Every structure is written in C-alpha cells, then in structure tokens.
Amino acid sequence: MKGIIGKKIGMTSAHDKNGKYVACTVVEAGPCVVTQVKVQDQHGYNALQFAFGEAKEKHTSKSLLGHFEKAGTSSKKKVVEFRD
C-alpha cells in the first residue's frame, strides 16, 4: 500500500550530494487515524481508510459524523482510502 495524506506546509530547498539545488515540498503527514478496514469478503476488495486533520462538527455531514463515531475518533477534514 503506497500513499501519503497530509497538509502542505510550504517549500524549501536542499542540495544533493553533487551540489545541485533541489526544491522540496514540506508536508505535515500526521497524525492519521484508520477509520475503516475493508476486506475482500465484505466489500469485494482490500483497503484501509485513513482520516487526517481536525474539522468542526458543524462542517461535517451527519453520515460522516456517524462514521467517525463508529471509528472512535473526532470529525476530520480529509478521508482517503488506499487499496491493497
């Protein structure tokens, strides 16, 4: 499973071993919460669903609030699923 979920903080630069200038993106990549595990038997495929970033409850739909409550976490801004 490959992927990253986070928030872009900004840009910076670095030099590689040959002295060449390289632009780099700075990403805040945590903490992420697993909100659902999908398995072949129940959903037809294998995947993990992650959530990132705190959100106010008034900006979250009721269906997502129920989903987060079942996962045992507060409401989040971004929900992403990574397939196996």
PDB file of N, CA and C in Angstrom:
ATOM      1  N   MET A   1       0.845  -1.166   0.000  1.00  0.00           N
ATOM      2  CA  MET A   1       0.000   0.000   0.000  1.00  0.00           C
ATOM      3  C   MET A   1       0.899   1.239   0.000  1.00  0.00           C
ATOM      4  N   LYS A   2       0.719   2.099  -0.981  1.00  0.00           N
ATOM      5  CA  LYS A   2       1.523   3.306  -1.074  1.00  0.00           C
ATOM      6  C   LYS A   2       0.622   4.521  -1.050  1.00  0.00           C
ATOM      7  N   GLY A   3       1.045   5.542  -0.342  1.00  0.00           N
ATOM      8  CA  GLY A   3       0.292   6.777  -0.318  1.00  0.00           C
ATOM      9  C   GLY A   3       0.679   7.624   0.868  1.00  0.00           C
ATOM     10  N   ILE A   4       0.328   8.884   0.785  1.00  0.00           N
ATOM     11  CA  ILE A   4       0.572   9.817   1.874  1.00  0.00           C
ATOM     12  C   ILE A   4      -0.623  10.754   1.952  1.00  0.00           C
ATOM     13  N   ILE A   5      -1.014  11.087   3.152  1.00  0.00           N
ATOM     14  CA  ILE A   5      -2.108  12.022   3.355  1.00  0.00           C
ATOM     15  C   ILE A   5      -1.606  13.062   4.348  1.00  0.00           C
ATOM     16  N   GLY A   6      -1.776  14.308   4.011  1.00  0.00           N
ATOM     17  CA  GLY A   6      -1.275  15.371   4.872  1.00  0.00           C
ATOM     18  C   GLY A   6      -1.634  16.739   4.350  1.00  0.00           C
ATOM     19  N   LYS A   7      -0.951  17.735   4.888  1.00  0.00           N
ATOM     20  CA  LYS A   7      -1.204  19.131   4.540  1.00  0.00           C
ATOM     21  C   LYS A   7       0.109  19.783   4.120  1.00  0.00           C
ATOM     22  N   LYS A   8       0.089  20.493   3.004  1.00  0.00           N
ATOM     23  CA  LYS A   8       1.283  21.182   2.546  1.00  0.00           C
ATOM     24  C   LYS A   8       1.561  22.374   3.458  1.00  0.00           C
ATOM     25  N   ILE A   9       2.769  22.415   3.992  1.00  0.00           N
ATOM     26  CA  ILE A   9       3.182  23.488   4.890  1.00  0.00           C
ATOM     27  C   ILE A   9       3.891  24.589   4.115  1.00  0.00           C
ATOM     28  N   GLY A  10       4.705  24.210   3.148  1.00  0.00           N
ATOM     29  CA  GLY A  10       5.441  25.205   2.377  1.00  0.00           C
ATOM     30  C   GLY A  10       6.491  24.557   1.497  1.00  0.00           C
ATOM     31  N   MET A  11       7.419  25.375   1.066  1.00  0.00           N
ATOM     32  CA  MET A  11       8.511  24.919   0.202  1.00  0.00           C
ATOM     33  C   MET A  11       9.841  25.266   0.861  1.00  0.00           C
ATOM     34  N   THR A  12      10.855  24.474   0.538  1.00  0.00           N
ATOM     35  CA  THR A  12      12.214  24.742   0.983  1.00  0.00           C
ATOM     36  C   THR A  12      13.149  24.230  -0.103  1.00  0.00           C
ATOM     37  N   SER A  13      14.436  24.332   0.136  1.00  0.00           N
ATOM     38  CA  SER A  13      15.400  23.835  -0.841  1.00  0.00           C
ATOM     39  C   SER A  13      16.493  23.060  -0.134  1.00  0.00           C
ATOM     40  N   ALA A  14      17.138  22.217  -0.889  1.00  0.00           N
ATOM     41  CA  ALA A  14      18.238  21.416  -0.369  1.00  0.00           C
ATOM     42  C   ALA A  14      19.231  21.201  -1.495  1.00  0.00           C
ATOM     43  N   HIS A  15      20.401  20.732  -1.138  1.00  0.00           N
ATOM     44  CA  HIS A  15      21.432  20.417  -2.123  1.00  0.00           C
ATOM     45  C   HIS A  15      21.697  18.919  -2.064  1.00  0.00           C
ATOM     46  N   ASP A  16      21.759  18.266  -3.232  1.00  0.00           N
ATOM     47  CA  ASP A  16      22.049  16.843  -3.255  1.00  0.00           C
ATOM     48  C   ASP A  16      23.552  16.613  -3.121  1.00  0.00           C
ATOM     49  N   LYS A  17      23.984  15.355  -3.198  1.00  0.00           N
ATOM     50  CA  LYS A  17      25.397  15.033  -2.974  1.00  0.00           C
ATOM     51  C   LYS A  17      26.314  15.610  -4.049  1.00  0.00           C
ATOM     52  N   ASN A  18      25.761  15.964  -5.207  1.00  0.00           N
ATOM     53  CA  ASN A  18      26.567  16.570  -6.278  1.00  0.00           C
ATOM     54  C   ASN A  18      26.558  18.095  -6.207  1.00  0.00           C
ATOM     55  N   GLY A  19      25.878  18.660  -5.228  1.00  0.00           N
ATOM     56  CA  GLY A  19      25.818  20.103  -5.069  1.00  0.00           C
ATOM     57  C   GLY A  19      24.719  20.769  -5.879  1.00  0.00           C
ATOM     58  N   LYS A  20      23.843  19.972  -6.489  1.00  0.00           N
ATOM     59  CA  LYS A  20      22.761  20.516  -7.293  1.00  0.00           C
ATOM     60  C   LYS A  20      21.606  20.965  -6.390  1.00  0.00           C
ATOM     61  N   TYR A  21      21.029  22.128  -6.698  1.00  0.00           N
ATOM     62  CA  TYR A  21      19.912  22.699  -5.950  1.00  0.00           C
ATOM     63  C   TYR A  21      18.636  21.923  -6.274  1.00  0.00           C
ATOM     64  N   VAL A  22      17.903  21.508  -5.235  1.00  0.00           N
ATOM     65  CA  VAL A  22      16.674  20.747  -5.413  1.00  0.00           C
ATOM     66  C   VAL A  22      15.570  21.398  -4.582  1.00  0.00           C
ATOM     67  N   ALA A  23      14.420  21.677  -5.204  1.00  0.00           N
ATOM     68  CA  ALA A  23      13.270  22.227  -4.488  1.00  0.00           C
ATOM     69  C   ALA A  23      12.532  21.089  -3.790  1.00  0.00           C
ATOM     70  N   CYS A  24      12.064  21.339  -2.563  1.00  0.00           N
ATOM     71  CA  CYS A  24      11.383  20.317  -1.768  1.00  0.00           C
ATOM     72  C   CYS A  24      10.088  20.881  -1.188  1.00  0.00           C
ATOM     73  N   THR A  25       9.065  20.059  -1.166  1.00  0.00           N
ATOM     74  CA  THR A  25       7.795  20.429  -0.553  1.00  0.00           C
ATOM     75  C   THR A  25       7.773  19.892   0.873  1.00  0.00           C
ATOM     76  N   VAL A  26       7.376  20.731   1.817  1.00  0.00           N
ATOM     77  CA  VAL A  26       7.273  20.331   3.218  1.00  0.00           C
ATOM     78  C   VAL A  26       5.819  19.950   3.493  1.00  0.00           C
ATOM     79  N   VAL A  27       5.604  18.714   3.970  1.00  0.00           N
ATOM     80  CA  VAL A  27       4.262  18.183   4.201  1.00  0.00           C
ATOM     81  C   VAL A  27       4.129  17.750   5.649  1.00  0.00           C
ATOM     82  N   GLU A  28       3.050  18.189   6.306  1.00  0.00           N
ATOM     83  CA  GLU A  28       2.706  17.687   7.637  1.00  0.00           C
ATOM     84  C   GLU A  28       1.891  16.418   7.421  1.00  0.00           C
ATOM     85  N   ALA A  29       2.441  15.269   7.770  1.00  0.00           N
ATOM     86  CA  ALA A  29       1.831  13.995   7.405  1.00  0.00           C
ATOM     87  C   ALA A  29       1.257  13.227   8.592  1.00  0.00           C
ATOM     88  N   GLY A  30       0.915  13.861   9.643  1.00  0.00           N
ATOM     89  CA  GLY A  30       0.358  13.098  10.756  1.00  0.00           C
ATOM     90  C   GLY A  30      -0.207  14.001  11.808  1.00  0.00           C
ATOM     91  N   PRO A  31      -0.954  13.503  12.699  1.00  0.00           N
ATOM     92  CA  PRO A  31      -1.345  12.106  12.881  1.00  0.00           C
ATOM     93  C   PRO A  31      -2.531  11.716  11.997  1.00  0.00           C
ATOM     94  N   CYS A  32      -2.465  10.523  11.459  1.00  0.00           N
ATOM     95  CA  CYS A  32      -3.553   9.966  10.653  1.00  0.00           C
ATOM     96  C   CYS A  32      -4.244   8.870  11.467  1.00  0.00           C
ATOM     97  N   VAL A  33      -5.537   8.730  11.268  1.00  0.00           N
ATOM     98  CA  VAL A  33      -6.343   7.762  12.004  1.00  0.00           C
ATOM     99  C   VAL A  33      -6.955   6.783  11.010  1.00  0.00           C
ATOM    100  N   VAL A  34      -6.894   5.493  11.312  1.00  0.00           N
ATOM    101  CA  VAL A  34      -7.568   4.493  10.485  1.00  0.00           C
ATOM    102  C   VAL A  34      -9.044   4.507  10.868  1.00  0.00           C
ATOM    103  N   THR A  35      -9.902   4.822   9.905  1.00  0.00           N
ATOM    104  CA  THR A  35     -11.331   4.908  10.191  1.00  0.00           C
ATOM    105  C   THR A  35     -12.102   3.662   9.748  1.00  0.00           C
ATOM    106  N   GLN A  36     -11.523   2.885   8.819  1.00  0.00           N
ATOM    107  CA  GLN A  36     -12.212   1.680   8.374  1.00  0.00           C
ATOM    108  C   GLN A  36     -11.215   0.745   7.699  1.00  0.00           C
ATOM    109  N   VAL A  37     -11.415  -0.554   7.946  1.00  0.00           N
ATOM    110  CA  VAL A  37     -10.632  -1.587   7.268  1.00  0.00           C
ATOM    111  C   VAL A  37     -11.594  -2.334   6.363  1.00  0.00           C
ATOM    112  N   LYS A  38     -11.321  -2.315   5.063  1.00  0.00           N
ATOM    113  CA  LYS A  38     -12.192  -3.003   4.109  1.00  0.00           C
ATOM    114  C   LYS A  38     -11.528  -4.311   3.705  1.00  0.00           C
ATOM    115  N   VAL A  39     -12.303  -5.385   3.734  1.00  0.00           N
ATOM    116  CA  VAL A  39     -11.780  -6.716   3.422  1.00  0.00           C
ATOM    117  C   VAL A  39     -12.534  -7.307   2.236  1.00  0.00           C
ATOM    118  N   GLN A  40     -11.891  -8.245   1.577  1.00  0.00           N
ATOM    119  CA  GLN A  40     -12.413  -8.870   0.364  1.00  0.00           C
ATOM    120  C   GLN A  40     -13.790  -9.500   0.592  1.00  0.00           C
ATOM    121  N   ASP A  41     -13.978 -10.182   1.706  1.00  0.00           N
ATOM    122  CA  ASP A  41     -15.230 -10.903   1.969  1.00  0.00           C
ATOM    123  C   ASP A  41     -16.444  -9.982   2.052  1.00  0.00           C
ATOM    124  N   GLN A  42     -16.290  -8.815   2.676  1.00  0.00           N
ATOM    125  CA  GLN A  42     -17.425  -7.920   2.886  1.00  0.00           C
ATOM    126  C   GLN A  42     -17.589  -6.867   1.799  1.00  0.00           C
ATOM    127  N   HIS A  43     -16.479  -6.323   1.284  1.00  0.00           N
ATOM    128  CA  HIS A  43     -16.540  -5.181   0.373  1.00  0.00           C
ATOM    129  C   HIS A  43     -16.096  -5.491  -1.055  1.00  0.00           C
ATOM    130  N   GLY A  44     -15.524  -6.656  -1.274  1.00  0.00           N
ATOM    131  CA  GLY A  44     -15.092  -7.021  -2.617  1.00  0.00           C
ATOM    132  C   GLY A  44     -13.673  -6.609  -2.943  1.00  0.00           C
ATOM    133  N   TYR A  45     -12.993  -5.937  -2.030  1.00  0.00           N
ATOM    134  CA  TYR A  45     -11.594  -5.544  -2.219  1.00  0.00           C
ATOM    135  C   TYR A  45     -10.980  -5.250  -0.859  1.00  0.00           C
ATOM    136  N   ASN A  46      -9.665  -5.185  -0.803  1.00  0.00           N
ATOM    137  CA  ASN A  46      -8.949  -4.888   0.438  1.00  0.00           C
ATOM    138  C   ASN A  46      -8.461  -3.447   0.410  1.00  0.00           C
ATOM    139  N   ALA A  47      -8.693  -2.719   1.495  1.00  0.00           N
ATOM    140  CA  ALA A  47      -8.264  -1.326   1.575  1.00  0.00           C
ATOM    141  C   ALA A  47      -8.268  -0.862   3.023  1.00  0.00           C
ATOM    142  N   LEU A  48      -7.527   0.224   3.265  1.00  0.00           N
ATOM    143  CA  LEU A  48      -7.554   0.927   4.544  1.00  0.00           C
ATOM    144  C   LEU A  48      -8.027   2.339   4.285  1.00  0.00           C
ATOM    145  N   GLN A  49      -8.891   2.833   5.152  1.00  0.00           N
ATOM    146  CA  GLN A  49      -9.402   4.194   5.025  1.00  0.00           C
ATOM    147  C   GLN A  49      -8.791   5.027   6.153  1.00  0.00           C
ATOM    148  N   PHE A  50      -8.110   6.115   5.773  1.00  0.00           N
ATOM    149  CA  PHE A  50      -7.443   6.996   6.724  1.00  0.00           C
ATOM    150  C   PHE A  50      -8.131   8.349   6.753  1.00  0.00           C
ATOM    151  N   ALA A  51      -8.041   9.037   7.898  1.00  0.00           N
ATOM    152  CA  ALA A  51      -8.570  10.393   8.042  1.00  0.00           C
ATOM    153  C   ALA A  51      -7.475  11.275   8.630  1.00  0.00           C
ATOM    154  N   PHE A  52      -7.477  12.564   8.233  1.00  0.00           N
ATOM    155  CA  PHE A  52      -6.436  13.497   8.660  1.00  0.00           C
ATOM    156  C   PHE A  52      -7.033  14.880   8.879  1.00  0.00           C
ATOM    157  N   GLY A  53      -6.536  15.591   9.865  1.00  0.00           N
ATOM    158  CA  GLY A  53      -6.893  16.986  10.080  1.00  0.00           C
ATOM    159  C   GLY A  53      -8.203  17.164  10.824  1.00  0.00           C
ATOM    160  N   GLU A  54      -8.175  17.921  11.890  1.00  0.00           N
ATOM    161  CA  GLU A  54      -9.376  18.167  12.682  1.00  0.00           C
ATOM    162  C   GLU A  54     -10.342  19.095  11.941  1.00  0.00           C
ATOM    163  N   ALA A  55     -11.633  18.812  12.071  1.00  0.00           N
ATOM    164  CA  ALA A  55     -12.682  19.639  11.466  1.00  0.00           C
ATOM    165  C   ALA A  55     -13.753  19.910  12.518  1.00  0.00           C
ATOM    166  N   LYS A  56     -14.436  21.020  12.375  1.00  0.00           N
ATOM    167  CA  LYS A  56     -15.540  21.329  13.281  1.00  0.00           C
ATOM    168  C   LYS A  56     -16.722  20.437  12.928  1.00  0.00           C
ATOM    169  N   GLU A  57     -17.464  20.021  13.953  1.00  0.00           N
ATOM    170  CA  GLU A  57     -18.606  19.144  13.718  1.00  0.00           C
ATOM    171  C   GLU A  57     -19.677  19.806  12.859  1.00  0.00           C
ATOM    172  N   LYS A  58     -19.823  21.127  12.967  1.00  0.00           N
ATOM    173  CA  LYS A  58     -20.858  21.799  12.186  1.00  0.00           C
ATOM    174  C   LYS A  58     -20.544  21.811  10.688  1.00  0.00           C
ATOM    175  N   HIS A  59     -19.298  21.536  10.318  1.00  0.00           N
ATOM    176  CA  HIS A  59     -18.905  21.492   8.907  1.00  0.00           C
ATOM    177  C   HIS A  59     -18.840  20.054   8.376  1.00  0.00           C
ATOM    178  N   THR A  60     -19.284  19.096   9.183  1.00  0.00           N
ATOM    179  CA  THR A  60     -19.231  17.687   8.804  1.00  0.00           C
ATOM    180  C   THR A  60     -20.649  17.154   8.664  1.00  0.00           C
ATOM    181  N   SER A  61     -20.897  16.369   7.612  1.00  0.00           N
ATOM    182  CA  SER A  61     -22.238  15.817   7.397  1.00  0.00           C
ATOM    183  C   SER A  61     -22.577  14.796   8.487  1.00  0.00           C
ATOM    184  N   LYS A  62     -23.858  14.565   8.674  1.00  0.00           N
ATOM    185  CA  LYS A  62     -24.303  13.642   9.710  1.00  0.00           C
ATOM    186  C   LYS A  62     -23.839  12.216   9.422  1.00  0.00           C
ATOM    187  N   SER A  63     -23.811  11.849   8.151  1.00  0.00           N
ATOM    188  CA  SER A  63     -23.357  10.497   7.817  1.00  0.00           C
ATOM    189  C   SER A  63     -21.882  10.316   8.158  1.00  0.00           C
ATOM    190  N   LEU A  64     -21.059  11.328   7.891  1.00  0.00           N
ATOM    191  CA  LEU A  64     -19.644  11.232   8.252  1.00  0.00           C
ATOM    192  C   LEU A  64     -19.447  11.293   9.764  1.00  0.00           C
ATOM    193  N   LEU A  65     -20.266  12.067  10.466  1.00  0.00           N
ATOM    194  CA  LEU A  65     -20.184  12.098  11.934  1.00  0.00           C
ATOM    195  C   LEU A  65     -20.433  10.705  12.507  1.00  0.00           C
ATOM    196  N   GLY A  66     -21.423   9.995  11.968  1.00  0.00           N
ATOM    197  CA  GLY A  66     -21.692   8.627  12.398  1.00  0.00           C
ATOM    198  C   GLY A  66     -20.537   7.692  12.082  1.00  0.00           C
ATOM    199  N   HIS A  67     -19.929   7.893  10.920  1.00  0.00           N
ATOM    200  CA  HIS A  67     -18.774   7.083  10.509  1.00  0.00           C
ATOM    201  C   HIS A  67     -17.605   7.299  11.470  1.00  0.00           C
ATOM    202  N   PHE A  68     -17.332   8.554  11.817  1.00  0.00           N
ATOM    203  CA  PHE A  68     -16.233   8.863  12.733  1.00  0.00           C
ATOM    204  C   PHE A  68     -16.536   8.366  14.145  1.00  0.00           C
ATOM    205  N   GLU A  69     -17.804   8.452  14.568  1.00  0.00           N
ATOM    206  CA  GLU A  69     -18.185   7.963  15.888  1.00  0.00           C
ATOM    207  C   GLU A  69     -17.966   6.453  15.987  1.00  0.00           C
ATOM    208  N   LYS A  70     -18.307   5.739  14.929  1.00  0.00           N
ATOM    209  CA  LYS A  70     -18.107   4.292  14.896  1.00  0.00           C
ATOM    210  C   LYS A  70     -16.617   3.943  14.945  1.00  0.00           C
ATOM    211  N   ALA A  71     -15.791   4.792  14.339  1.00  0.00           N
ATOM    212  CA  ALA A  71     -14.343   4.575  14.346  1.00  0.00           C
ATOM    213  C   ALA A  71     -13.708   5.027  15.659  1.00  0.00           C
ATOM    214  N   GLY A  72     -14.458   5.748  16.486  1.00  0.00           N
ATOM    215  CA  GLY A  72     -13.940   6.187  17.769  1.00  0.00           C
ATOM    216  C   GLY A  72     -13.020   7.387  17.689  1.00  0.00           C
ATOM    217  N   THR A  73     -13.290   8.302  16.749  1.00  0.00           N
ATOM    218  CA  THR A  73     -12.457   9.489  16.579  1.00  0.00           C
ATOM    219  C   THR A  73     -13.337  10.727  16.396  1.00  0.00           C
ATOM    220  N   SER A  74     -12.719  11.880  16.474  1.00  0.00           N
ATOM    221  CA  SER A  74     -13.451  13.130  16.236  1.00  0.00           C
ATOM    222  C   SER A  74     -13.569  13.368  14.728  1.00  0.00           C
ATOM    223  N   SER A  75     -14.322  14.388  14.339  1.00  0.00           N
ATOM    224  CA  SER A  75     -14.510  14.659  12.909  1.00  0.00           C
ATOM    225  C   SER A  75     -13.206  15.144  12.285  1.00  0.00           C
ATOM    226  N   LYS A  76     -12.989  14.741  11.048  1.00  0.00           N
ATOM    227  CA  LYS A  76     -11.755  15.035  10.317  1.00  0.00           C
ATOM    228  C   LYS A  76     -12.069  15.754   9.018  1.00  0.00           C
ATOM    229  N   LYS A  77     -11.058  16.457   8.476  1.00  0.00           N
ATOM    230  CA  LYS A  77     -11.237  17.211   7.232  1.00  0.00           C
ATOM    231  C   LYS A  77     -11.136  16.323   5.999  1.00  0.00           C
ATOM    232  N   LYS A  78     -10.201  15.408   5.995  1.00  0.00           N
ATOM    233  CA  LYS A  78      -9.904  14.641   4.788  1.00  0.00           C
ATOM    234  C   LYS A  78      -9.996  13.151   5.078  1.00  0.00           C
ATOM    235  N   VAL A  79     -10.704  12.411   4.229  1.00  0.00           N
ATOM    236  CA  VAL A  79     -10.799  10.958   4.333  1.00  0.00           C
ATOM    237  C   VAL A  79     -10.323  10.372   3.002  1.00  0.00           C
ATOM    238  N   VAL A  80      -9.357   9.464   3.084  1.00  0.00           N
ATOM    239  CA  VAL A  80      -8.775   8.859   1.882  1.00  0.00           C
ATOM    240  C   VAL A  80      -8.685   7.353   2.073  1.00  0.00           C
ATOM    241  N   GLU A  81      -8.906   6.623   0.989  1.00  0.00           N
ATOM    242  CA  GLU A  81      -8.843   5.171   1.025  1.00  0.00           C
ATOM    243  C   GLU A  81      -7.690   4.701   0.160  1.00  0.00           C
ATOM    244  N   PHE A  82      -6.855   3.829   0.714  1.00  0.00           N
ATOM    245  CA  PHE A  82      -5.741   3.254  -0.020  1.00  0.00           C
ATOM    246  C   PHE A  82      -5.983   1.775  -0.207  1.00  0.00           C
ATOM    247  N   ARG A  83      -6.055   1.346  -1.472  1.00  0.00           N
ATOM    248  CA  ARG A  83      -6.286  -0.063  -1.780  1.00  0.00           C
ATOM    249  C   ARG A  83      -4.991  -0.856  -1.655  1.00  0.00           C
ATOM    250  N   ASP A  84      -5.166  -2.121  -1.338  1.00  0.00           N
ATOM    251  CA  ASP A  84      -4.028  -3.028  -1.180  1.00  0.00           C
ATOM    252  C   ASP A  84      -3.557  -3.525  -2.522  1.00  0.00           C
TER     253      ASP A  84
END
